[in-house]
C-alpha atoms as a PDB file:
ATOM      1  CA  UNK A   1     -38.866 -52.013 -85.474  1.00  0.00           C
ATOM      2  CA  UNK A   2     -41.390 -50.556 -87.834  1.00  0.00           C
ATOM      3  CA  UNK A   3     -41.088 -50.240 -91.598  1.00  0.00           C
ATOM      4  CA  UNK A   4     -42.414 -46.686 -91.353  1.00  0.00           C
ATOM      5  CA  UNK A   5     -39.792 -43.952 -91.469  1.00  0.00           C
ATOM      6  CA  UNK A   6     -39.695 -40.506 -89.974  1.00  0.00           C
ATOM      7  CA  UNK A   7     -37.790 -37.476 -91.144  1.00  0.00           C
ATOM      8  CA  UNK A   8     -36.925 -35.008 -88.413  1.00  0.00           C
ATOM      9  CA  UNK A   9     -37.669 -31.383 -89.319  1.00  0.00           C
ATOM     10  CA  UNK A  10     -34.432 -29.544 -90.198  1.00  0.00           C
ATOM     11  CA  UNK A  11     -34.768 -26.891 -87.506  1.00  0.00           C
ATOM     12  CA  UNK A  12     -35.858 -29.257 -84.747  1.00  0.00           C
ATOM     13  CA  UNK A  13     -33.871 -28.554 -81.574  1.00  0.00           C
ATOM     14  CA  UNK A  14     -34.216 -31.519 -79.193  1.00  0.00           C
ATOM     15  CA  UNK A  15     -32.716 -29.846 -76.083  1.00  0.00           C
ATOM     16  CA  UNK A  16     -34.963 -26.802 -76.552  1.00  0.00           C
ATOM     17  CA  UNK A  17     -38.022 -28.989 -77.166  1.00  0.00           C
ATOM     18  CA  UNK A  18     -37.230 -31.185 -74.131  1.00  0.00           C
ATOM     19  CA  UNK A  19     -36.780 -28.157 -71.856  1.00  0.00           C
ATOM     20  CA  UNK A  20     -40.076 -26.603 -72.974  1.00  0.00           C
ATOM     21  CA  UNK A  21     -41.885 -29.936 -72.701  1.00  0.00           C
ATOM     22  CA  UNK A  22     -40.561 -30.557 -69.195  1.00  0.00           C
ATOM     23  CA  UNK A  23     -41.601 -27.055 -68.092  1.00  0.00           C
ATOM     24  CA  UNK A  24     -45.124 -27.573 -69.508  1.00  0.00           C
ATOM     25  CA  UNK A  25     -45.412 -30.878 -67.645  1.00  0.00           C
ATOM     26  CA  UNK A  26     -44.186 -29.429 -64.329  1.00  0.00           C
ATOM     27  CA  UNK A  27     -46.507 -26.458 -64.650  1.00  0.00           C
ATOM     28  CA  UNK A  28     -49.462 -28.799 -65.212  1.00  0.00           C
ATOM     29  CA  UNK A  29     -48.786 -30.991 -62.141  1.00  0.00           C
ATOM     30  CA  UNK A  30     -48.309 -28.160 -59.662  1.00  0.00           C
ATOM     31  CA  UNK A  31     -51.845 -27.351 -58.544  1.00  0.00           C
ATOM     32  CA  UNK A  32     -51.298 -25.075 -55.554  1.00  0.00           C
ATOM     33  CA  UNK A  33     -48.602 -23.225 -53.618  1.00  0.00           C
ATOM     34  CA  UNK A  34     -46.853 -23.363 -50.268  1.00  0.00           C
ATOM     35  CA  UNK A  35     -45.214 -20.551 -48.329  1.00  0.00           C
ATOM     36  CA  UNK A  36     -42.094 -21.473 -46.400  1.00  0.00           C
ATOM     37  CA  UNK A  37     -39.569 -19.863 -44.137  1.00  0.00           C
ATOM     38  CA  UNK A  38     -36.112 -21.234 -45.044  1.00  0.00           C
ATOM     39  CA  UNK A  39     -32.521 -20.954 -43.877  1.00  0.00           C
ATOM     40  CA  UNK A  40     -29.745 -20.276 -46.392  1.00  0.00           C
ATOM     41  CA  UNK A  41     -29.107 -24.041 -46.554  1.00  0.00           C
ATOM     42  CA  UNK A  42     -32.819 -24.734 -46.937  1.00  0.00           C
ATOM     43  CA  UNK A  43     -32.926 -22.259 -49.808  1.00  0.00           C
ATOM     44  CA  UNK A  44     -30.089 -24.071 -51.575  1.00  0.00           C
ATOM     45  CA  UNK A  45     -31.785 -27.425 -51.034  1.00  0.00           C
ATOM     46  CA  UNK A  46     -35.078 -26.110 -52.414  1.00  0.00           C
ATOM     47  CA  UNK A  47     -33.340 -24.909 -55.556  1.00  0.00           C
ATOM     48  CA  UNK A  48     -32.383 -28.502 -56.334  1.00  0.00           C
ATOM     49  CA  UNK A  49     -35.992 -29.751 -56.249  1.00  0.00           C
ATOM     50  CA  UNK A  50     -36.909 -28.941 -59.861  1.00  0.00           C
ATOM     51  CA  UNK A  51     -36.324 -26.096 -62.328  1.00  0.00           C
ATOM     52  CA  UNK A  52     -39.867 -24.819 -61.735  1.00  0.00           C
ATOM     53  CA  UNK A  53     -39.394 -24.762 -57.946  1.00  0.00           C
ATOM     54  CA  UNK A  54     -35.961 -23.148 -58.311  1.00  0.00           C
ATOM     55  CA  UNK A  55     -37.416 -20.427 -60.530  1.00  0.00           C
ATOM     56  CA  UNK A  56     -40.215 -19.783 -58.032  1.00  0.00           C
ATOM     57  CA  UNK A  57     -37.713 -19.608 -55.145  1.00  0.00           C
ATOM     58  CA  UNK A  58     -35.650 -17.045 -57.017  1.00  0.00           C
ATOM     59  CA  UNK A  59     -38.684 -14.911 -57.878  1.00  0.00           C
ATOM     60  CA  UNK A  60     -40.375 -15.024 -54.486  1.00  0.00           C
ATOM     61  CA  UNK A  61     -37.559 -14.911 -51.905  1.00  0.00           C
ATOM     62  CA  UNK A  62     -37.907 -12.085 -49.415  1.00  0.00           C
ATOM     63  CA  UNK A  63     -34.986 -10.198 -47.924  1.00  0.00           C
ATOM     64  CA  UNK A  64     -33.251 -12.314 -45.261  1.00  0.00           C
ATOM     65  CA  UNK A  65     -33.986 -11.638 -41.609  1.00  0.00           C
ATOM     66  CA  UNK A  66     -31.225 -11.100 -39.011  1.00  0.00           C
ATOM     67  CA  UNK A  67     -30.491 -14.847 -38.983  1.00  0.00           C
ATOM     68  CA  UNK A  68     -30.429 -15.171 -42.777  1.00  0.00           C
ATOM     69  CA  UNK A  69     -33.824 -16.867 -43.050  1.00  0.00           C
ATOM     70  CA  UNK A  70     -36.236 -15.761 -45.756  1.00  0.00           C
ATOM     71  CA  UNK A  71     -39.721 -16.561 -46.972  1.00  0.00           C
ATOM     72  CA  UNK A  72     -40.427 -18.175 -50.335  1.00  0.00           C
ATOM     73  CA  UNK A  73     -43.498 -19.368 -52.179  1.00  0.00           C
ATOM     74  CA  UNK A  74     -43.206 -22.568 -54.166  1.00  0.00           C
ATOM     75  CA  UNK A  75     -45.567 -24.593 -56.353  1.00  0.00           C
ATOM     76  CA  UNK A  76     -46.702 -27.974 -55.000  1.00  0.00           C
ATOM     77  CA  UNK A  77     -48.737 -30.837 -56.414  1.00  0.00           C
ATOM     78  CA  UNK A  78     -50.669 -31.566 -53.218  1.00  0.00           C
ATOM     79  CA  UNK A  79     -50.168 -31.460 -49.461  1.00  0.00           C
ATOM     80  CA  UNK A  80     -49.486 -35.206 -49.468  1.00  0.00           C
ATOM     81  CA  UNK A  81     -46.775 -35.047 -52.121  1.00  0.00           C
ATOM     82  CA  UNK A  82     -45.283 -31.851 -50.748  1.00  0.00           C
ATOM     83  CA  UNK A  83     -45.003 -33.315 -47.227  1.00  0.00           C
ATOM     84  CA  UNK A  84     -42.694 -36.045 -48.548  1.00  0.00           C
ATOM     85  CA  UNK A  85     -40.593 -33.454 -50.368  1.00  0.00           C
ATOM     86  CA  UNK A  86     -40.467 -30.996 -47.465  1.00  0.00           C
ATOM     87  CA  UNK A  87     -39.026 -33.682 -45.178  1.00  0.00           C
ATOM     88  CA  UNK A  88     -35.885 -33.456 -47.327  1.00  0.00           C
ATOM     89  CA  UNK A  89     -35.378 -29.960 -45.948  1.00  0.00           C
ATOM     90  CA  UNK A  90     -35.216 -31.146 -42.343  1.00  0.00           C
ATOM     91  CA  UNK A  91     -34.897 -28.318 -39.847  1.00  0.00           C
ATOM     92  CA  UNK A  92     -33.807 -25.901 -42.548  1.00  0.00           C
ATOM     93  CA  UNK A  93     -37.398 -24.962 -43.401  1.00  0.00           C
ATOM     94  CA  UNK A  94     -40.734 -24.253 -41.785  1.00  0.00           C
ATOM     95  CA  UNK A  95     -43.943 -24.537 -43.806  1.00  0.00           C
ATOM     96  CA  UNK A  96     -46.082 -21.511 -43.023  1.00  0.00           C
ATOM     97  CA  UNK A  97     -49.020 -22.449 -45.254  1.00  0.00           C
ATOM     98  CA  UNK A  98     -51.129 -24.244 -46.311  1.00  0.00           C
ATOM     99  CA  UNK A  99     -52.351 -25.563 -42.955  1.00  0.00           C
ATOM    100  CA  UNK A 100     -52.937 -29.039 -44.417  1.00  0.00           C
ATOM    101  CA  UNK A 101     -49.258 -29.322 -45.337  1.00  0.00           C
ATOM    102  CA  UNK A 102     -48.176 -28.218 -41.841  1.00  0.00           C
ATOM    103  CA  UNK A 103     -50.536 -30.823 -40.362  1.00  0.00           C
ATOM    104  CA  UNK A 104     -49.088 -33.599 -42.540  1.00  0.00           C
ATOM    105  CA  UNK A 105     -45.518 -32.645 -41.645  1.00  0.00           C
ATOM    106  CA  UNK A 106     -46.310 -32.553 -37.947  1.00  0.00           C
ATOM    107  CA  UNK A 107     -47.854 -36.015 -38.188  1.00  0.00           C
ATOM    108  CA  UNK A 108     -44.799 -37.364 -40.050  1.00  0.00           C
ATOM    109  CA  UNK A 109     -42.386 -35.820 -37.530  1.00  0.00           C
ATOM    110  CA  UNK A 110     -44.417 -37.194 -34.603  1.00  0.00           C
ATOM    111  CA  UNK A 111     -44.249 -40.680 -36.126  1.00  0.00           C
ATOM    112  CA  UNK A 112     -40.482 -40.304 -36.666  1.00  0.00           C
ATOM    113  CA  UNK A 113     -40.009 -39.216 -33.047  1.00  0.00           C
ATOM    114  CA  UNK A 114     -41.896 -42.294 -31.847  1.00  0.00           C
ATOM    115  CA  UNK A 115     -39.832 -44.542 -34.118  1.00  0.00           C
ATOM    116  CA  UNK A 116     -36.560 -43.202 -32.731  1.00  0.00           C
ATOM    117  CA  UNK A 117     -37.655 -42.871 -29.094  1.00  0.00           C
ATOM    118  CA  UNK A 118     -35.529 -44.822 -26.629  1.00  0.00           C
ATOM    119  CA  UNK A 119     -36.878 -48.176 -25.539  1.00  0.00           C
END
């Protein structure tokens, strides 16, 4: 505890401040973008990633194809971080670009296949 005191400004709105602060932070960490092809379930899963990703999904989603899949563009921090996140989507998404992210996902899936191979 400090002896110093602080008086909160009368019109300070903590929820509004927190929301704006979180958005500023998320915007600053996302350095590039990824384009994905997603199923309806994949789209719902993506929308739970973060408010910034959800907003990007809503803005960028194309019309669904005959099977209900659509393309979206989302912000990502890096290919390394995004690969970990994209694994949460399982077979409900395909990364179209960037190539580095596709490469990292393929490597992760290959390692998983080896881990679960019989014998």
